[in-house]
N, C-alpha and C. Protein backbone atom coordinates (compact mmCIF):
# COMPACT_ATOMS: atom_id res chain seq x y z
N MET A 1 16.43 9.38 -5.36
CA MET A 1 15.43 8.52 -5.94
C MET A 1 14.06 8.89 -5.34
N ALA A 2 13.03 8.85 -6.18
CA ALA A 2 11.69 9.19 -5.72
C ALA A 2 11.16 8.16 -4.72
N GLN A 3 10.20 8.60 -3.94
CA GLN A 3 9.56 7.71 -2.97
C GLN A 3 8.07 7.78 -3.13
N LEU A 4 7.40 6.74 -2.68
CA LEU A 4 5.95 6.70 -2.72
C LEU A 4 5.39 6.75 -1.33
N LYS A 5 4.40 7.64 -1.11
CA LYS A 5 3.70 7.68 0.14
C LYS A 5 2.38 6.93 -0.04
N VAL A 6 2.23 5.84 0.73
CA VAL A 6 1.09 4.97 0.59
C VAL A 6 0.24 5.05 1.88
N GLU A 7 -1.06 5.35 1.72
CA GLU A 7 -1.95 5.44 2.86
C GLU A 7 -3.11 4.48 2.67
N GLN A 8 -3.44 3.72 3.71
CA GLN A 8 -4.57 2.80 3.63
C GLN A 8 -5.84 3.57 3.87
N LYS A 9 -6.80 3.46 2.95
CA LYS A 9 -8.07 4.18 3.03
C LYS A 9 -9.25 3.30 3.34
N LYS A 10 -9.16 2.02 3.02
CA LYS A 10 -10.32 1.14 3.22
C LYS A 10 -9.89 -0.08 4.04
N SER A 11 -10.87 -0.73 4.61
CA SER A 11 -10.71 -1.93 5.42
C SER A 11 -10.41 -3.14 4.59
N THR A 12 -9.75 -4.13 5.19
CA THR A 12 -9.47 -5.39 4.53
C THR A 12 -10.54 -6.44 4.75
N ILE A 13 -11.60 -6.08 5.48
CA ILE A 13 -12.70 -7.02 5.69
C ILE A 13 -13.36 -7.34 4.38
N GLY A 14 -13.45 -8.62 4.06
CA GLY A 14 -14.03 -9.11 2.86
C GLY A 14 -13.07 -9.19 1.70
N CYS A 15 -11.81 -8.84 1.91
CA CYS A 15 -10.79 -8.90 0.88
C CYS A 15 -10.19 -10.31 0.80
N LYS A 16 -9.54 -10.59 -0.27
CA LYS A 16 -8.84 -11.84 -0.43
C LYS A 16 -7.61 -11.87 0.45
N ALA A 17 -7.17 -13.07 0.81
CA ALA A 17 -6.05 -13.25 1.72
C ALA A 17 -4.76 -12.62 1.18
N ASN A 18 -4.55 -12.73 -0.17
CA ASN A 18 -3.32 -12.16 -0.72
C ASN A 18 -3.29 -10.65 -0.63
N GLN A 19 -4.46 -10.03 -0.69
CA GLN A 19 -4.52 -8.55 -0.53
C GLN A 19 -4.20 -8.13 0.90
N ARG A 20 -4.68 -8.90 1.86
CA ARG A 20 -4.41 -8.62 3.30
C ARG A 20 -2.90 -8.78 3.53
N GLU A 21 -2.33 -9.85 2.98
CA GLU A 21 -0.89 -10.09 3.16
C GLU A 21 -0.07 -9.01 2.49
N THR A 22 -0.49 -8.52 1.34
CA THR A 22 0.25 -7.47 0.62
C THR A 22 0.24 -6.16 1.44
N LEU A 23 -0.91 -5.83 2.08
CA LEU A 23 -0.96 -4.63 2.94
C LEU A 23 0.00 -4.79 4.10
N ARG A 24 0.03 -5.97 4.68
CA ARG A 24 0.92 -6.24 5.82
C ARG A 24 2.39 -6.10 5.41
N SER A 25 2.73 -6.62 4.24
CA SER A 25 4.10 -6.52 3.78
C SER A 25 4.51 -5.08 3.42
N LEU A 26 3.52 -4.27 3.08
CA LEU A 26 3.82 -2.85 2.86
C LEU A 26 3.97 -2.11 4.19
N GLY A 27 3.53 -2.71 5.26
CA GLY A 27 3.63 -2.10 6.59
C GLY A 27 2.38 -1.39 7.04
N LEU A 28 1.22 -1.69 6.37
CA LEU A 28 -0.04 -1.07 6.74
C LEU A 28 -0.86 -1.99 7.54
N LYS A 29 -1.34 -1.56 8.69
CA LYS A 29 -2.09 -2.38 9.59
C LYS A 29 -3.55 -1.99 9.74
N ARG A 30 -3.82 -0.72 9.63
CA ARG A 30 -5.19 -0.22 9.85
C ARG A 30 -5.44 1.01 8.97
N ILE A 31 -6.69 1.36 8.87
CA ILE A 31 -7.12 2.53 8.10
C ILE A 31 -6.41 3.76 8.65
N GLY A 32 -5.85 4.58 7.77
CA GLY A 32 -5.18 5.78 8.15
C GLY A 32 -3.67 5.62 8.31
N ASP A 33 -3.17 4.42 8.28
CA ASP A 33 -1.72 4.21 8.37
C ASP A 33 -1.04 4.73 7.11
N VAL A 34 0.13 5.32 7.26
CA VAL A 34 0.89 5.86 6.16
C VAL A 34 2.32 5.33 6.22
N VAL A 35 2.82 4.86 5.06
CA VAL A 35 4.23 4.46 4.97
C VAL A 35 4.84 5.15 3.76
N VAL A 36 6.15 5.37 3.82
CA VAL A 36 6.89 5.94 2.67
C VAL A 36 7.89 4.86 2.25
N LYS A 37 7.78 4.46 0.97
CA LYS A 37 8.59 3.36 0.44
C LYS A 37 9.35 3.90 -0.79
N GLU A 38 10.47 3.25 -1.11
CA GLU A 38 11.25 3.57 -2.30
C GLU A 38 10.37 3.23 -3.56
N ASP A 39 10.51 4.03 -4.60
CA ASP A 39 9.76 3.78 -5.83
C ASP A 39 10.52 2.75 -6.65
N ARG A 40 10.16 1.47 -6.42
CA ARG A 40 10.77 0.37 -7.11
C ARG A 40 9.68 -0.49 -7.75
N PRO A 41 10.02 -1.29 -8.74
CA PRO A 41 9.01 -2.11 -9.40
C PRO A 41 8.30 -3.07 -8.47
N GLU A 42 9.02 -3.60 -7.42
CA GLU A 42 8.37 -4.49 -6.49
C GLU A 42 7.27 -3.82 -5.70
N ILE A 43 7.60 -2.58 -5.26
CA ILE A 43 6.60 -1.82 -4.47
C ILE A 43 5.44 -1.40 -5.33
N ARG A 44 5.72 -0.99 -6.59
CA ARG A 44 4.64 -0.60 -7.52
C ARG A 44 3.70 -1.77 -7.75
N GLY A 45 4.24 -2.99 -7.86
CA GLY A 45 3.42 -4.15 -8.04
C GLY A 45 2.53 -4.47 -6.87
N MET A 46 3.07 -4.27 -5.68
CA MET A 46 2.29 -4.50 -4.46
C MET A 46 1.17 -3.42 -4.32
N VAL A 47 1.46 -2.21 -4.68
CA VAL A 47 0.46 -1.16 -4.63
C VAL A 47 -0.61 -1.44 -5.69
N GLN A 48 -0.25 -1.94 -6.83
CA GLN A 48 -1.20 -2.27 -7.89
C GLN A 48 -2.16 -3.34 -7.40
N THR A 49 -1.69 -4.31 -6.60
CA THR A 49 -2.55 -5.35 -6.08
C THR A 49 -3.63 -4.86 -5.16
N VAL A 50 -3.32 -3.83 -4.40
CA VAL A 50 -4.28 -3.28 -3.41
C VAL A 50 -4.71 -1.83 -3.74
N ARG A 51 -4.72 -1.50 -5.04
CA ARG A 51 -4.96 -0.13 -5.46
C ARG A 51 -6.33 0.39 -5.01
N HIS A 52 -7.31 -0.52 -4.81
CA HIS A 52 -8.65 -0.10 -4.40
C HIS A 52 -8.73 0.18 -2.87
N LEU A 53 -7.69 -0.14 -2.12
CA LEU A 53 -7.66 0.03 -0.69
C LEU A 53 -6.76 1.16 -0.25
N VAL A 54 -5.91 1.68 -1.13
CA VAL A 54 -4.93 2.69 -0.72
C VAL A 54 -4.93 3.90 -1.65
N THR A 55 -4.31 4.98 -1.20
CA THR A 55 -4.01 6.09 -2.05
C THR A 55 -2.48 6.24 -2.09
N VAL A 56 -1.97 6.72 -3.26
CA VAL A 56 -0.53 6.79 -3.44
C VAL A 56 -0.14 8.17 -3.97
N GLU A 57 0.92 8.70 -3.38
CA GLU A 57 1.48 10.00 -3.83
C GLU A 57 2.95 9.83 -4.03
N GLU A 58 3.50 10.54 -5.00
CA GLU A 58 4.96 10.54 -5.18
C GLU A 58 5.52 11.67 -4.32
N VAL A 59 6.62 11.33 -3.60
CA VAL A 59 7.29 12.29 -2.70
C VAL A 59 8.76 12.35 -3.15
N ASN A 60 9.28 13.59 -3.13
CA ASN A 60 10.70 13.75 -3.53
C ASN A 60 11.57 13.81 -2.32
């Protein structure tokens, strides 16, 4: 199954609380953090919520 590599690129200062919580649930704490998650609809939805703060790549 494909995986998504998610990297935090911007700060959460000034963001809404739900966006900060979404980054935390993805496992991202600070700028430059990278996590690899399974490509599932739940993860895609979380990435969509914070799309302006992260970059996403598909990894095989």
